[in-house]
Amino acid sequence: MDEKQRLQRLADAIAGSGARINDPYGIDAQGSMLGDEHMLRLADWADLEYLVASRSQITDASLPVICSFSRLTDLCLGGTALPQQRIRASPSLS
């Protein structure tokens, strides 16, 4: 898949959320409507490198998807309904 195809696929997965794509490996969803339904569409997107989702609509239902991002280097989830203790307890995110 080339970069243009990756960008389109990523855009399709988060459509309607108000989140932005800065490159084919990251999502800026700060203060957006990005929710669990969008995260489920990203479940096979293992090479996502950053997700800025502070004050978005995701909940702990998105945690398994987030944990599947094996190349994730930057993650911001403050102000979401995802409890900090669940994030800290996740082995793949610690």
Protein backbone atom coordinates (compact mmCIF):
# COMPACT_ATOMS: atom_id res chain seq x y z
CA MET A 1 0.00 0.00 0.00
CA ASP A 2 1.47 3.37 -0.96
CA GLU A 3 1.32 6.52 1.17
CA LYS A 4 -1.72 7.95 -0.62
CA GLN A 5 -3.66 4.71 -0.08
CA ARG A 6 -2.62 4.59 3.58
CA LEU A 7 -3.80 8.16 4.13
CA GLN A 8 -7.15 7.42 2.48
CA ARG A 9 -7.67 4.24 4.48
CA LEU A 10 -6.85 6.04 7.71
CA ALA A 11 -9.17 8.93 6.78
CA ASP A 12 -11.98 6.47 6.07
CA ALA A 13 -11.51 4.81 9.47
CA ILE A 14 -11.84 8.07 11.41
CA ALA A 15 -14.40 9.77 9.15
CA GLY A 16 -16.93 11.87 11.03
CA SER A 17 -14.82 12.13 14.17
CA GLY A 18 -13.23 15.50 13.51
CA ALA A 19 -9.80 13.95 14.10
CA ARG A 20 -6.92 14.95 11.82
CA ILE A 21 -4.27 12.88 10.09
CA ASN A 22 -0.85 14.49 9.92
CA ASP A 23 0.87 11.56 8.20
CA PRO A 24 0.12 7.88 7.45
CA TYR A 25 1.29 6.83 10.91
CA GLY A 26 -0.49 9.16 13.29
CA ILE A 27 -3.79 10.65 14.37
CA ASP A 28 -4.40 13.94 16.13
CA ALA A 29 -7.80 13.50 17.75
CA GLN A 30 -7.42 15.95 20.61
CA GLY A 31 -10.84 17.29 21.59
CA SER A 32 -12.50 15.40 18.76
CA MET A 33 -15.44 13.01 18.61
CA LEU A 34 -13.11 10.05 17.99
CA GLY A 35 -14.85 7.18 19.75
CA ASP A 36 -14.75 3.46 20.25
CA GLU A 37 -16.46 2.83 16.90
CA HIS A 38 -13.63 4.65 15.11
CA MET A 39 -11.02 2.78 17.13
CA LEU A 40 -12.58 -0.55 16.13
CA ARG A 41 -12.03 0.42 12.47
CA LEU A 42 -8.35 0.89 13.32
CA ALA A 43 -7.98 -2.55 14.93
CA ASP A 44 -5.74 -3.92 12.18
CA TRP A 45 -3.66 -0.74 11.88
CA ALA A 46 -0.73 -2.16 13.88
CA ASP A 47 1.84 0.33 12.60
CA LEU A 48 0.24 3.45 14.03
CA GLU A 49 3.04 5.41 15.70
CA TYR A 50 1.18 8.17 17.51
CA LEU A 51 -2.30 8.80 18.80
CA VAL A 52 -3.16 12.10 20.43
CA ALA A 53 -6.67 11.49 21.72
CA SER A 54 -6.88 13.74 24.78
CA ARG A 55 -10.43 14.85 25.52
CA SER A 56 -11.80 12.53 22.83
CA GLN A 57 -14.74 10.16 23.25
CA ILE A 58 -12.83 6.88 23.59
CA THR A 59 -13.46 4.64 26.58
CA ASP A 60 -11.82 1.56 28.04
CA ALA A 61 -13.50 -0.42 25.24
CA SER A 62 -10.75 0.99 22.98
CA LEU A 63 -7.89 -0.25 25.17
CA PRO A 64 -7.42 -3.61 23.35
CA VAL A 65 -7.18 -1.77 20.02
CA ILE A 66 -4.70 0.76 21.41
CA CYS A 67 -2.61 -2.09 22.83
CA SER A 68 -2.45 -3.67 19.36
CA PHE A 69 -0.52 -0.70 17.96
CA SER A 70 2.88 -2.36 18.21
CA ARG A 71 4.83 0.64 16.86
CA LEU A 72 3.14 3.23 19.08
CA THR A 73 5.67 5.70 20.47
CA ASP A 74 3.44 8.64 21.46
CA LEU A 75 0.11 8.29 23.23
CA CYS A 76 -2.01 11.00 24.86
CA LEU A 77 -5.28 9.93 26.47
CA GLY A 78 -5.83 12.55 29.18
CA GLY A 79 -9.38 13.68 29.71
CA THR A 80 -10.93 10.55 28.22
CA ALA A 81 -13.19 8.01 29.90
CA LEU A 82 -10.28 5.57 29.89
CA PRO A 83 -9.20 5.11 33.52
CA GLN A 84 -5.51 5.86 34.12
CA GLN A 85 -5.09 2.74 36.25
CA ARG A 86 -6.24 0.55 33.33
CA ILE A 87 -3.75 2.25 31.02
CA ARG A 88 -0.90 1.83 33.52
CA ALA A 89 -1.85 -1.82 34.13
CA SER A 90 -1.64 -2.67 30.43
CA PRO A 91 1.68 -4.45 29.80
CA SER A 92 1.98 -3.27 26.20
CA LEU A 93 1.59 0.38 27.20
CA SER A 94 3.90 0.45 30.19
